[in-house]
Amino acid sequence: MTRPLELAPSDVRSLSSYNRKVFDRFVRRIRRLPPRVARRRRGIGHETLFDTLVHILNVQEVWLVYIVRGRNSDEELEALFQDRSRRPRDWKGFDAYARRVWSGVDATLRSLTPRALARPVSVFWMPGRYTVRDAVLQVTFEEAHHLGEIIGALWQDDRPSPDMTWLDVRRARVRRRRSS
């Protein structure tokens, strides 16, 4: 394998901020769709647009709230996987779950140090050796892949996806800061 990416804690926080802003843009877009469109089974990885968003939250939670904090025993993860609030059926449940996940992710990100990013982590379903930095990249790329599925599904319905490029998202932040 090639040399791992070197990310400082500030880089991780910037990347996570971007990921969350893009995720929020997709949530807003899908929330505005008619419920039958957001919940239609499409044959994508997690079937519906709504369920794909839920899965992205699941991934953020399991890696950044549990695994990187060392809460990765079989018992802890099994209890997490059985938690029914991780499978919301409506936007009210989604919002409550998203608040919980992002609160946990934010707490993890605040605690990152260069040493913490290099710390090894493991999980029972993925053999190999990983670091906290790898976990951050895992959630980043997995979110990107699943948002790609959503983009494709929106295109099939002739619906545009939200702007999501690094430059567009950051440019919006700079504009807001200047107008303040």
N, C-alpha and C. Protein backbone atom coordinates (compact mmCIF):
# COMPACT_ATOMS: atom_id res chain seq x y z
N MET A 1 0.83 -1.18 0.00
CA MET A 1 0.00 0.00 0.00
C MET A 1 0.88 1.24 0.00
N THR A 2 0.36 2.31 -0.54
CA THR A 2 1.13 3.55 -0.59
C THR A 2 1.17 4.21 0.77
N ARG A 3 2.01 5.18 0.88
CA ARG A 3 2.17 5.94 2.11
C ARG A 3 0.83 6.60 2.48
N PRO A 4 0.45 6.57 3.77
CA PRO A 4 -0.82 7.18 4.17
C PRO A 4 -0.80 8.70 3.99
N LEU A 5 -1.95 9.27 3.79
CA LEU A 5 -2.05 10.72 3.73
C LEU A 5 -1.71 11.31 5.09
N GLU A 6 -1.00 12.39 5.08
CA GLU A 6 -0.68 13.08 6.33
C GLU A 6 -1.71 14.19 6.50
N LEU A 7 -2.54 14.04 7.50
CA LEU A 7 -3.55 15.04 7.80
C LEU A 7 -3.35 15.52 9.22
N ALA A 8 -3.31 16.81 9.40
CA ALA A 8 -3.26 17.39 10.73
C ALA A 8 -4.68 17.47 11.29
N PRO A 9 -4.83 17.60 12.59
CA PRO A 9 -6.17 17.73 13.16
C PRO A 9 -6.98 18.86 12.50
N SER A 10 -6.35 19.98 12.20
CA SER A 10 -7.08 21.07 11.54
C SER A 10 -7.55 20.66 10.14
N ASP A 11 -6.75 19.86 9.44
CA ASP A 11 -7.16 19.35 8.12
C ASP A 11 -8.38 18.45 8.25
N VAL A 12 -8.36 17.59 9.26
CA VAL A 12 -9.48 16.67 9.48
C VAL A 12 -10.74 17.46 9.79
N ARG A 13 -10.63 18.49 10.62
CA ARG A 13 -11.80 19.29 10.94
C ARG A 13 -12.32 20.03 9.71
N SER A 14 -11.43 20.53 8.85
CA SER A 14 -11.86 21.19 7.60
C SER A 14 -12.56 20.20 6.67
N LEU A 15 -11.99 19.03 6.53
CA LEU A 15 -12.58 18.00 5.68
C LEU A 15 -13.94 17.57 6.22
N SER A 16 -14.03 17.39 7.52
CA SER A 16 -15.29 16.99 8.13
C SER A 16 -16.34 18.09 7.99
N SER A 17 -15.93 19.33 8.12
CA SER A 17 -16.85 20.45 7.94
C SER A 17 -17.41 20.45 6.52
N TYR A 18 -16.54 20.26 5.55
CA TYR A 18 -16.98 20.16 4.15
C TYR A 18 -17.96 19.00 3.98
N ASN A 19 -17.59 17.83 4.49
CA ASN A 19 -18.47 16.65 4.36
C ASN A 19 -19.85 16.94 4.92
N ARG A 20 -19.88 17.56 6.07
CA ARG A 20 -21.17 17.83 6.71
C ARG A 20 -21.99 18.84 5.93
N LYS A 21 -21.35 19.87 5.42
CA LYS A 21 -22.08 20.87 4.62
C LYS A 21 -22.66 20.25 3.36
N VAL A 22 -21.89 19.40 2.71
CA VAL A 22 -22.40 18.72 1.52
C VAL A 22 -23.55 17.78 1.90
N PHE A 23 -23.36 17.02 2.96
CA PHE A 23 -24.42 16.13 3.43
C PHE A 23 -25.70 16.93 3.69
N ASP A 24 -25.57 18.06 4.39
CA ASP A 24 -26.73 18.89 4.70
C ASP A 24 -27.42 19.40 3.44
N ARG A 25 -26.65 19.70 2.41
CA ARG A 25 -27.25 20.14 1.14
C ARG A 25 -28.09 19.01 0.53
N PHE A 26 -27.58 17.78 0.60
CA PHE A 26 -28.34 16.64 0.07
C PHE A 26 -29.58 16.36 0.92
N VAL A 27 -29.45 16.51 2.23
CA VAL A 27 -30.63 16.32 3.09
C VAL A 27 -31.71 17.33 2.71
N ARG A 28 -31.33 18.60 2.56
CA ARG A 28 -32.32 19.62 2.18
C ARG A 28 -32.97 19.29 0.84
N ARG A 29 -32.17 18.84 -0.12
CA ARG A 29 -32.72 18.52 -1.45
C ARG A 29 -33.69 17.36 -1.37
N ILE A 30 -33.33 16.32 -0.67
CA ILE A 30 -34.18 15.13 -0.60
C ILE A 30 -35.41 15.40 0.27
N ARG A 31 -35.26 16.20 1.29
CA ARG A 31 -36.40 16.54 2.15
C ARG A 31 -37.48 17.28 1.36
N ARG A 32 -37.08 18.05 0.34
CA ARG A 32 -38.05 18.81 -0.46
C ARG A 32 -38.75 17.96 -1.51
N LEU A 33 -38.26 16.74 -1.73
CA LEU A 33 -38.91 15.87 -2.71
C LEU A 33 -40.22 15.33 -2.15
N PRO A 34 -41.14 14.96 -3.04
CA PRO A 34 -42.34 14.27 -2.54
C PRO A 34 -41.91 13.00 -1.81
N PRO A 35 -42.56 12.65 -0.70
CA PRO A 35 -42.16 11.47 0.08
C PRO A 35 -42.06 10.20 -0.76
N ARG A 36 -42.93 10.01 -1.71
CA ARG A 36 -42.88 8.78 -2.53
C ARG A 36 -41.59 8.74 -3.36
N VAL A 37 -41.05 9.89 -3.71
CA VAL A 37 -39.80 9.94 -4.47
C VAL A 37 -38.61 9.66 -3.54
N ALA A 38 -38.61 10.28 -2.38
CA ALA A 38 -37.50 10.09 -1.42
C ALA A 38 -37.45 8.67 -0.88
N ARG A 39 -38.61 7.99 -0.85
CA ARG A 39 -38.69 6.65 -0.23
C ARG A 39 -38.83 5.53 -1.26
N ARG A 40 -38.78 5.86 -2.55
CA ARG A 40 -38.92 4.83 -3.58
C ARG A 40 -37.68 3.94 -3.63
N ARG A 41 -37.90 2.64 -3.70
CA ARG A 41 -36.79 1.68 -3.83
C ARG A 41 -36.21 1.84 -5.23
N ARG A 42 -34.89 2.06 -5.29
CA ARG A 42 -34.23 2.39 -6.56
C ARG A 42 -33.15 1.39 -6.97
N GLY A 43 -32.87 0.41 -6.13
CA GLY A 43 -31.82 -0.54 -6.46
C GLY A 43 -30.43 0.01 -6.21
N ILE A 44 -30.31 1.15 -5.51
CA ILE A 44 -29.00 1.65 -5.13
C ILE A 44 -28.60 0.96 -3.83
N GLY A 45 -27.40 1.19 -3.35
CA GLY A 45 -26.85 0.46 -2.22
C GLY A 45 -27.75 0.33 -1.01
N HIS A 46 -28.48 1.36 -0.67
CA HIS A 46 -29.38 1.31 0.48
C HIS A 46 -30.81 1.60 0.06
N GLU A 47 -31.08 1.26 -1.18
CA GLU A 47 -32.41 1.28 -1.81
C GLU A 47 -33.00 2.66 -2.02
N THR A 48 -33.28 3.41 -0.96
CA THR A 48 -33.97 4.69 -1.15
C THR A 48 -33.00 5.85 -0.89
N LEU A 49 -33.38 7.02 -1.37
CA LEU A 49 -32.57 8.21 -1.11
C LEU A 49 -32.51 8.47 0.40
N PHE A 50 -33.65 8.38 1.06
CA PHE A 50 -33.73 8.59 2.51
C PHE A 50 -32.84 7.60 3.25
N ASP A 51 -32.96 6.32 2.92
CA ASP A 51 -32.18 5.29 3.62
C ASP A 51 -30.68 5.41 3.35
N THR A 52 -30.31 5.94 2.19
CA THR A 52 -28.90 6.16 1.91
C THR A 52 -28.35 7.27 2.80
N LEU A 53 -29.14 8.32 3.01
CA LEU A 53 -28.72 9.37 3.95
C LEU A 53 -28.57 8.81 5.36
N VAL A 54 -29.51 7.96 5.77
CA VAL A 54 -29.42 7.33 7.09
C VAL A 54 -28.14 6.51 7.18
N HIS A 55 -27.83 5.76 6.14
CA HIS A 55 -26.62 4.94 6.16
C HIS A 55 -25.37 5.80 6.33
N ILE A 56 -25.32 6.94 5.68
CA ILE A 56 -24.17 7.84 5.83
C ILE A 56 -24.02 8.24 7.29
N LEU A 57 -25.12 8.54 7.96
CA LEU A 57 -25.06 8.84 9.39
C LEU A 57 -24.58 7.63 10.18
N ASN A 58 -25.07 6.44 9.82
CA ASN A 58 -24.64 5.22 10.51
C ASN A 58 -23.12 5.07 10.43
N VAL A 59 -22.56 5.31 9.26
CA VAL A 59 -21.11 5.17 9.06
C VAL A 59 -20.36 6.20 9.89
N GLN A 60 -20.81 7.44 9.87
CA GLN A 60 -20.18 8.48 10.68
C GLN A 60 -20.17 8.07 12.15
N GLU A 61 -21.34 7.60 12.61
CA GLU A 61 -21.46 7.25 14.02
C GLU A 61 -20.57 6.07 14.41
N VAL A 62 -20.63 5.00 13.63
CA VAL A 62 -19.89 3.80 14.04
C VAL A 62 -18.38 4.06 14.03
N TRP A 63 -17.90 4.78 13.03
CA TRP A 63 -16.45 5.01 12.96
C TRP A 63 -15.99 6.13 13.89
N LEU A 64 -16.65 7.29 13.82
CA LEU A 64 -16.12 8.46 14.52
C LEU A 64 -16.63 8.62 15.95
N VAL A 65 -17.71 7.96 16.30
CA VAL A 65 -18.20 8.05 17.66
C VAL A 65 -17.87 6.79 18.45
N TYR A 66 -17.80 5.67 17.78
CA TYR A 66 -17.52 4.41 18.48
C TYR A 66 -16.10 3.91 18.26
N ILE A 67 -15.77 3.56 17.04
CA ILE A 67 -14.50 2.87 16.80
C ILE A 67 -13.30 3.72 17.20
N VAL A 68 -13.23 4.97 16.75
CA VAL A 68 -12.04 5.77 17.06
C VAL A 68 -11.95 6.12 18.54
N ARG A 69 -13.03 6.02 19.28
CA ARG A 69 -12.99 6.27 20.72
C ARG A 69 -12.74 4.99 21.51
N GLY A 70 -12.50 3.89 20.80
CA GLY A 70 -12.22 2.63 21.48
C GLY A 70 -13.46 1.93 21.99
N ARG A 71 -14.61 2.36 21.55
CA ARG A 71 -15.88 1.73 21.95
C ARG A 71 -16.24 0.69 20.89
N ASN A 72 -15.35 -0.24 20.64
CA ASN A 72 -15.54 -1.16 19.53
C ASN A 72 -15.56 -2.63 19.95
N SER A 73 -15.94 -2.88 21.19
CA SER A 73 -16.09 -4.28 21.58
C SER A 73 -17.31 -4.85 20.87
N ASP A 74 -17.33 -6.16 20.74
CA ASP A 74 -18.49 -6.81 20.10
C ASP A 74 -19.79 -6.40 20.79
N GLU A 75 -19.77 -6.33 22.12
CA GLU A 75 -20.98 -6.00 22.88
C GLU A 75 -21.42 -4.57 22.62
N GLU A 76 -20.48 -3.62 22.63
CA GLU A 76 -20.83 -2.22 22.40
C GLU A 76 -21.38 -2.01 21.00
N LEU A 77 -20.72 -2.60 20.02
CA LEU A 77 -21.18 -2.42 18.64
C LEU A 77 -22.49 -3.15 18.39
N GLU A 78 -22.65 -4.33 18.97
CA GLU A 78 -23.92 -5.05 18.79
C GLU A 78 -25.07 -4.25 19.38
N ALA A 79 -24.87 -3.66 20.55
CA ALA A 79 -25.91 -2.82 21.16
C ALA A 79 -26.21 -1.62 20.26
N LEU A 80 -25.17 -1.02 19.71
CA LEU A 80 -25.38 0.10 18.78
C LEU A 80 -26.19 -0.35 17.57
N PHE A 81 -25.81 -1.47 16.98
CA PHE A 81 -26.48 -1.95 15.77
C PHE A 81 -27.94 -2.31 16.03
N GLN A 82 -28.27 -2.66 17.26
CA GLN A 82 -29.66 -3.00 17.61
C GLN A 82 -30.50 -1.76 17.94
N ASP A 83 -29.88 -0.62 18.09
CA ASP A 83 -30.58 0.62 18.46
C ASP A 83 -31.52 1.04 17.33
N ARG A 84 -32.80 1.00 17.60
CA ARG A 84 -33.82 1.29 16.58
C ARG A 84 -33.77 2.75 16.11
N SER A 85 -33.25 3.65 16.93
CA SER A 85 -33.20 5.06 16.51
C SER A 85 -32.21 5.25 15.36
N ARG A 86 -31.35 4.26 15.10
CA ARG A 86 -30.42 4.32 13.96
C ARG A 86 -31.10 3.98 12.64
N ARG A 87 -32.38 3.63 12.69
CA ARG A 87 -33.15 3.30 11.50
C ARG A 87 -34.44 4.14 11.47
N PRO A 88 -34.30 5.47 11.43
CA PRO A 88 -35.50 6.31 11.45
C PRO A 88 -36.40 6.04 10.24
N ARG A 89 -37.67 6.21 10.42
CA ARG A 89 -38.64 5.98 9.35
C ARG A 89 -39.23 7.28 8.82
N ASP A 90 -38.92 8.40 9.46
CA ASP A 90 -39.47 9.69 9.01
C ASP A 90 -38.43 10.78 9.28
N TRP A 91 -38.73 11.99 8.83
CA TRP A 91 -37.78 13.09 8.97
C TRP A 91 -37.60 13.51 10.43
N LYS A 92 -38.64 13.40 11.23
CA LYS A 92 -38.50 13.74 12.65
C LYS A 92 -37.48 12.82 13.32
N GLY A 93 -37.60 11.51 13.07
CA GLY A 93 -36.63 10.56 13.61
C GLY A 93 -35.25 10.78 13.03
N PHE A 94 -35.19 11.10 11.75
CA PHE A 94 -33.92 11.38 11.07
C PHE A 94 -33.22 12.56 11.75
N ASP A 95 -33.97 13.64 11.98
CA ASP A 95 -33.38 14.84 12.58
C ASP A 95 -32.84 14.55 13.97
N ALA A 96 -33.58 13.79 14.77
CA ALA A 96 -33.12 13.44 16.12
C ALA A 96 -31.85 12.60 16.05
N TYR A 97 -31.84 11.64 15.15
CA TYR A 97 -30.66 10.78 15.00
C TYR A 97 -29.47 11.60 14.49
N ALA A 98 -29.69 12.46 13.50
CA ALA A 98 -28.61 13.28 12.95
C ALA A 98 -28.01 14.17 14.04
N ARG A 99 -28.84 14.78 14.89
CA ARG A 99 -28.31 15.61 15.98
C ARG A 99 -27.39 14.80 16.89
N ARG A 100 -27.82 13.59 17.22
CA ARG A 100 -27.01 12.72 18.07
C ARG A 100 -25.67 12.39 17.41
N VAL A 101 -25.72 12.00 16.14
CA VAL A 101 -24.50 11.63 15.43
C VAL A 101 -23.55 12.82 15.34
N TRP A 102 -24.04 13.97 14.88
CA TRP A 102 -23.15 15.11 14.68
C TRP A 102 -22.59 15.61 16.01
N SER A 103 -23.36 15.52 17.07
CA SER A 103 -22.85 15.90 18.39
C SER A 103 -21.68 15.00 18.78
N GLY A 104 -21.82 13.70 18.56
CA GLY A 104 -20.74 12.76 18.85
C GLY A 104 -19.53 12.97 17.96
N VAL A 105 -19.77 13.20 16.67
CA VAL A 105 -18.66 13.45 15.74
C VAL A 105 -17.92 14.71 16.14
N ASP A 106 -18.67 15.77 16.46
CA ASP A 106 -18.03 17.03 16.86
C ASP A 106 -17.16 16.83 18.09
N ALA A 107 -17.63 16.06 19.07
CA ALA A 107 -16.84 15.80 20.27
C ALA A 107 -15.55 15.06 19.91
N THR A 108 -15.64 14.10 19.02
CA THR A 108 -14.45 13.36 18.59
C THR A 108 -13.47 14.30 17.89
N LEU A 109 -13.96 15.13 17.00
CA LEU A 109 -13.09 16.02 16.24
C LEU A 109 -12.39 17.03 17.14
N ARG A 110 -13.10 17.51 18.16
CA ARG A 110 -12.48 18.47 19.08
C ARG A 110 -11.31 17.85 19.84
N SER A 111 -11.36 16.55 20.05
CA SER A 111 -10.32 15.89 20.85
C SER A 111 -9.11 15.43 20.03
N LEU A 112 -9.13 15.62 18.73
CA LEU A 112 -8.04 15.11 17.89
C LEU A 112 -6.74 15.87 18.09
N THR A 113 -5.68 15.10 18.14
CA THR A 113 -4.31 15.62 18.18
C THR A 113 -3.54 14.85 17.11
N PRO A 114 -2.35 15.31 16.74
CA PRO A 114 -1.56 14.53 15.78
C PRO A 114 -1.33 13.10 16.26
N ARG A 115 -1.06 12.96 17.53
CA ARG A 115 -0.83 11.62 18.09
C ARG A 115 -2.09 10.76 18.00
N ALA A 116 -3.24 11.36 18.30
CA ALA A 116 -4.51 10.62 18.24
C ALA A 116 -4.79 10.15 16.81
N LEU A 117 -4.47 10.96 15.82
CA LEU A 117 -4.72 10.58 14.43
C LEU A 117 -3.89 9.37 14.01
N ALA A 118 -2.74 9.19 14.63
CA ALA A 118 -1.86 8.06 14.29
C ALA A 118 -2.18 6.81 15.10
N ARG A 119 -3.08 6.93 16.08
CA ARG A 119 -3.40 5.79 16.95
C ARG A 119 -4.08 4.68 16.16
N PRO A 120 -3.69 3.43 16.41
CA PRO A 120 -4.33 2.31 15.71
C PRO A 120 -5.76 2.09 16.21
N VAL A 121 -6.62 1.67 15.30
CA VAL A 121 -7.99 1.28 15.63
C VAL A 121 -8.28 -0.03 14.91
N SER A 122 -9.26 -0.75 15.43
CA SER A 122 -9.65 -2.00 14.77
C SER A 122 -11.14 -2.20 14.93
N VAL A 123 -11.66 -3.03 14.06
CA VAL A 123 -13.08 -3.37 14.10
C VAL A 123 -13.23 -4.80 13.60
N PHE A 124 -14.14 -5.53 14.19
CA PHE A 124 -14.21 -6.96 13.93
C PHE A 124 -14.55 -7.32 12.49
N TRP A 125 -15.21 -6.49 11.75
CA TRP A 125 -15.63 -6.90 10.40
C TRP A 125 -14.62 -6.51 9.31
N MET A 126 -13.57 -5.80 9.68
CA MET A 126 -12.57 -5.40 8.70
C MET A 126 -11.19 -5.83 9.18
N PRO A 127 -10.65 -6.90 8.61
CA PRO A 127 -9.31 -7.31 9.03
C PRO A 127 -8.27 -6.28 8.60
N GLY A 128 -7.22 -6.22 9.32
CA GLY A 128 -6.13 -5.31 8.97
C GLY A 128 -5.86 -4.33 10.08
N ARG A 129 -4.89 -3.46 9.81
CA ARG A 129 -4.49 -2.44 10.77
C ARG A 129 -4.86 -1.08 10.21
N TYR A 130 -5.48 -0.27 11.05
CA TYR A 130 -5.93 1.06 10.63
C TYR A 130 -5.60 2.07 11.71
N THR A 131 -5.64 3.32 11.33
CA THR A 131 -5.45 4.40 12.29
C THR A 131 -6.71 5.26 12.33
N VAL A 132 -6.74 6.16 13.30
CA VAL A 132 -7.85 7.12 13.36
C VAL A 132 -7.90 7.91 12.06
N ARG A 133 -6.75 8.28 11.53
CA ARG A 133 -6.69 9.00 10.25
C ARG A 133 -7.38 8.19 9.15
N ASP A 134 -7.14 6.87 9.11
CA ASP A 134 -7.80 6.00 8.13
C ASP A 134 -9.31 6.02 8.32
N ALA A 135 -9.75 6.04 9.57
CA ALA A 135 -11.19 6.07 9.85
C ALA A 135 -11.82 7.35 9.30
N VAL A 136 -11.13 8.47 9.46
CA VAL A 136 -11.62 9.74 8.93
C VAL A 136 -11.75 9.65 7.41
N LEU A 137 -10.74 9.10 6.78
CA LEU A 137 -10.79 8.97 5.32
C LEU A 137 -11.86 7.97 4.89
N GLN A 138 -12.05 6.91 5.67
CA GLN A 138 -13.10 5.93 5.37
C GLN A 138 -14.47 6.60 5.33
N VAL A 139 -14.80 7.39 6.35
CA VAL A 139 -16.12 8.02 6.36
C VAL A 139 -16.24 9.06 5.25
N THR A 140 -15.14 9.74 4.94
CA THR A 140 -15.15 10.74 3.88
C THR A 140 -15.44 10.10 2.53
N PHE A 141 -14.69 9.06 2.20
CA PHE A 141 -14.87 8.44 0.88
C PHE A 141 -16.17 7.65 0.79
N GLU A 142 -16.57 7.02 1.90
CA GLU A 142 -17.83 6.30 1.85
C GLU A 142 -19.00 7.27 1.64
N GLU A 143 -18.97 8.42 2.32
CA GLU A 143 -20.01 9.43 2.09
C GLU A 143 -20.01 9.85 0.62
N ALA A 144 -18.84 10.10 0.07
CA ALA A 144 -18.77 10.52 -1.34
C ALA A 144 -19.36 9.47 -2.26
N HIS A 145 -19.06 8.21 -2.01
CA HIS A 145 -19.59 7.14 -2.87
C HIS A 145 -21.11 7.07 -2.78
N HIS A 146 -21.65 7.16 -1.57
CA HIS A 146 -23.10 7.08 -1.42
C HIS A 146 -23.79 8.33 -1.97
N LEU A 147 -23.18 9.48 -1.83
CA LEU A 147 -23.77 10.67 -2.45
C LEU A 147 -23.75 10.54 -3.96
N GLY A 148 -22.74 9.86 -4.49
CA GLY A 148 -22.72 9.58 -5.94
C GLY A 148 -23.90 8.74 -6.36
N GLU A 149 -24.28 7.77 -5.52
CA GLU A 149 -25.49 6.97 -5.83
C GLU A 149 -26.72 7.87 -5.86
N ILE A 150 -26.80 8.78 -4.90
CA ILE A 150 -27.94 9.69 -4.85
C ILE A 150 -27.95 10.59 -6.08
N ILE A 151 -26.80 11.09 -6.47
CA ILE A 151 -26.71 11.94 -7.67
C ILE A 151 -27.24 11.18 -8.88
N GLY A 152 -26.78 9.94 -9.04
CA GLY A 152 -27.25 9.13 -10.17
C GLY A 152 -28.75 8.93 -10.15
N ALA A 153 -29.30 8.67 -8.96
CA ALA A 153 -30.75 8.47 -8.84
C ALA A 153 -31.50 9.76 -9.16
N LEU A 154 -30.97 10.90 -8.70
CA LEU A 154 -31.61 12.18 -9.03
C LEU A 154 -31.56 12.43 -10.53
N TRP A 155 -30.44 12.13 -11.16
CA TRP A 155 -30.32 12.32 -12.61
C TRP A 155 -31.33 11.44 -13.35
N GLN A 156 -31.54 10.22 -12.86
CA GLN A 156 -32.52 9.35 -13.51
C GLN A 156 -33.91 9.96 -13.49
N ASP A 157 -34.19 10.75 -12.45
CA ASP A 157 -35.48 11.45 -12.35
C ASP A 157 -35.42 12.82 -13.00
N ASP A 158 -34.32 13.14 -13.66
CA ASP A 158 -34.11 14.44 -14.29
C ASP A 158 -34.17 15.58 -13.27
N ARG A 159 -33.57 15.32 -12.10
CA ARG A 159 -33.51 16.31 -11.02
C ARG A 159 -32.04 16.65 -10.77
N PRO A 160 -31.73 17.92 -10.58
CA PRO A 160 -30.33 18.27 -10.32
C PRO A 160 -29.94 17.92 -8.89
N SER A 161 -28.66 17.67 -8.71
CA SER A 161 -28.13 17.47 -7.35
C SER A 161 -27.64 18.83 -6.84
N PRO A 162 -27.46 18.94 -5.54
CA PRO A 162 -26.94 20.20 -5.00
C PRO A 162 -25.49 20.43 -5.43
N ASP A 163 -25.08 21.71 -5.42
CA ASP A 163 -23.66 22.01 -5.63
C ASP A 163 -22.89 21.37 -4.50
N MET A 164 -21.76 20.76 -4.84
CA MET A 164 -21.03 20.05 -3.79
C MET A 164 -19.52 20.11 -3.93
N THR A 165 -19.03 20.84 -4.91
CA THR A 165 -17.58 20.85 -5.06
C THR A 165 -16.94 21.57 -3.88
N TRP A 166 -15.73 21.17 -3.60
CA TRP A 166 -14.95 21.78 -2.52
C TRP A 166 -14.94 23.30 -2.68
N LEU A 167 -14.73 23.77 -3.91
CA LEU A 167 -14.64 25.21 -4.16
C LEU A 167 -15.97 25.91 -3.94
N ASP A 168 -17.09 25.32 -4.42
CA ASP A 168 -18.40 25.93 -4.21
C ASP A 168 -18.75 26.03 -2.74
N VAL A 169 -18.52 24.97 -2.01
CA VAL A 169 -18.87 24.94 -0.59
C VAL A 169 -18.03 25.95 0.17
N ARG A 170 -16.74 25.99 -0.10
CA ARG A 170 -15.86 26.93 0.60
C ARG A 170 -16.13 28.37 0.16
N ARG A 171 -16.44 28.58 -1.11
CA ARG A 171 -16.74 29.92 -1.60
C ARG A 171 -17.98 30.47 -0.88
N ALA A 172 -18.98 29.65 -0.66
CA ALA A 172 -20.18 30.09 0.04
C ALA A 172 -19.83 30.53 1.46
N ARG A 173 -18.89 29.84 2.10
CA ARG A 173 -18.48 30.20 3.45
C ARG A 173 -17.74 31.53 3.45
N VAL A 174 -16.88 31.76 2.45
CA VAL A 174 -16.12 33.00 2.37
C VAL A 174 -17.07 34.16 2.11
N ARG A 175 -18.05 33.98 1.22
CA ARG A 175 -19.03 35.04 0.94
C ARG A 175 -19.79 35.41 2.20
N ARG A 176 -20.23 34.43 2.97
CA ARG A 176 -20.98 34.69 4.20
C ARG A 176 -20.11 35.47 5.19
N ARG A 177 -18.84 35.09 5.29
CA ARG A 177 -17.94 35.75 6.23
C ARG A 177 -17.73 37.21 5.83
N ARG A 178 -17.59 37.49 4.53
CA ARG A 178 -17.37 38.86 4.06
C ARG A 178 -18.60 39.74 4.29
N SER A 179 -19.78 39.16 4.16
CA SER A 179 -21.00 39.95 4.30
C SER A 179 -21.38 40.17 5.76
N SER A 180 -20.67 39.53 6.68
CA SER A 180 -20.99 39.68 8.11
C SER A 180 -20.48 40.97 8.65
